[in-house]
Amino acid sequence: MRIICLFNLKPGVSQAEYEEWARTRDIPTVNALGSVTSFTVHKATGLFGDPEGTPPFQYIEVIDITGMDAFVADISTEAFQAAAAPFQGFADAPQFILTEDL
């Protein structure tokens, strides 16, 4: 199963500060969860075929998990909640989309 998270930074949030946190704290922490097989964060750089276009979202997270129950158990711990808390200060109304392969 894959979860895709789309979001923009909140107004006034430093892009450099968010990206440093994502690289050094968020990505390693999420990838260390037993239910996560892969976690990547991507910065949107443009729209294919529209060189002047602006993407609707600044960042995309892709989380591959072994199963929803195991993932929810992993992210429900006090330790994970503390580690992930800064995300709420960075992300403006993140949208988490659940997917399945065809």
Protein backbone atom coordinates (compact mmCIF):
# COMPACT_ATOMS: atom_id res chain seq x y z
CA MET A 1 0.00 0.00 0.00
CA ARG A 2 1.17 3.52 -0.72
CA ILE A 3 0.23 6.79 0.94
CA ILE A 4 0.87 10.01 -0.95
CA CYS A 5 0.90 13.29 0.95
CA LEU A 6 0.58 16.60 -0.90
CA PHE A 7 1.22 19.88 0.87
CA ASN A 8 2.46 23.44 0.81
CA LEU A 9 4.40 25.12 3.57
CA LYS A 10 2.51 27.42 5.89
CA PRO A 11 2.98 31.14 5.22
CA GLY A 12 6.16 32.39 6.84
CA VAL A 13 7.78 28.95 7.13
CA SER A 14 11.39 28.84 5.98
CA GLN A 15 11.84 26.46 3.06
CA ALA A 16 15.45 25.84 4.11
CA GLU A 17 14.40 25.05 7.68
CA TYR A 18 11.72 22.59 6.55
CA GLU A 19 14.03 20.84 4.08
CA GLU A 20 16.79 20.50 6.69
CA TRP A 21 14.31 18.97 9.15
CA ALA A 22 12.94 16.65 6.45
CA ARG A 23 16.42 15.42 5.43
CA THR A 24 17.89 14.99 8.90
CA ARG A 25 14.90 14.07 11.07
CA ASP A 26 11.72 13.15 9.21
CA ILE A 27 13.04 10.91 6.43
CA PRO A 28 15.30 8.80 8.69
CA THR A 29 12.61 8.54 11.41
CA VAL A 30 9.84 7.39 9.08
CA ASN A 31 12.13 5.01 7.18
CA ALA A 32 13.08 3.38 10.51
CA LEU A 33 9.47 2.31 11.17
CA GLY A 34 8.93 -1.43 10.81
CA SER A 35 5.77 -0.92 8.74
CA VAL A 36 7.47 1.39 6.21
CA THR A 37 9.30 -0.12 3.25
CA SER A 38 10.14 3.26 1.69
CA PHE A 39 9.59 6.93 2.49
CA THR A 40 10.68 9.73 0.18
CA VAL A 41 10.00 13.46 0.09
CA HIS A 42 9.97 15.33 -3.20
CA LYS A 43 10.06 19.05 -3.96
CA ALA A 44 7.89 20.10 -6.90
CA THR A 45 9.92 21.99 -9.49
CA GLY A 46 7.43 22.67 -12.28
CA LEU A 47 4.68 21.28 -14.47
CA PHE A 48 5.52 18.98 -17.36
CA GLY A 49 4.69 20.66 -20.66
CA ASP A 50 4.05 24.03 -19.02
CA PRO A 51 7.37 25.76 -18.30
CA GLU A 52 5.61 28.81 -16.84
CA GLY A 53 3.16 26.83 -14.71
CA THR A 54 3.27 26.60 -10.95
CA PRO A 55 2.57 23.23 -9.31
CA PRO A 56 -0.45 23.24 -6.96
CA PHE A 57 1.68 21.67 -4.22
CA GLN A 58 5.26 22.42 -3.16
CA TYR A 59 6.02 18.99 -1.67
CA ILE A 60 5.02 15.38 -2.21
CA GLU A 61 5.68 12.56 0.24
CA VAL A 62 5.48 8.93 -0.86
CA ILE A 63 5.13 6.37 1.94
CA ASP A 64 5.14 2.66 1.05
CA ILE A 65 3.81 0.58 3.92
CA THR A 66 3.34 -3.12 4.66
CA GLY A 67 -0.19 -2.58 5.98
CA MET A 68 -2.41 0.08 7.48
CA ASP A 69 -2.83 -1.53 10.92
CA ALA A 70 0.93 -1.88 11.41
CA PHE A 71 1.53 1.67 10.16
CA VAL A 72 -1.09 3.17 12.47
CA ALA A 73 0.45 1.27 15.39
CA ASP A 74 3.92 2.60 14.51
CA ILE A 75 2.86 6.23 14.18
CA SER A 76 0.72 6.12 17.32
CA THR A 77 3.63 5.79 19.70
CA GLU A 78 4.59 8.69 21.93
CA ALA A 79 8.13 8.68 20.53
CA PHE A 80 6.96 8.93 16.92
CA GLN A 81 4.38 11.60 17.73
CA ALA A 82 7.10 13.72 19.35
CA ALA A 83 9.45 13.24 16.39
CA ALA A 84 6.74 14.07 13.85
CA ALA A 85 5.27 17.06 15.74
CA PRO A 86 7.27 19.68 13.82
CA PHE A 87 5.53 18.61 10.60
CA GLN A 88 2.33 20.25 11.86
CA GLY A 89 4.19 23.55 12.14
CA PHE A 90 5.58 23.29 8.62
CA ALA A 91 2.75 21.83 6.51
CA ASP A 92 -0.39 23.77 5.60
CA ALA A 93 -3.38 21.37 5.47
CA PRO A 94 -1.54 18.28 4.18
CA GLN A 95 -3.63 15.85 2.15
CA PHE A 96 -2.90 12.15 2.71
CA ILE A 97 -4.13 10.04 -0.19
CA LEU A 98 -4.43 6.27 0.25
CA THR A 99 -3.67 4.21 -2.86
CA GLU A 100 -3.48 0.64 -4.05
CA ASP A 101 -1.75 -0.84 -7.05
CA LEU A 102 -3.84 -1.89 -10.05
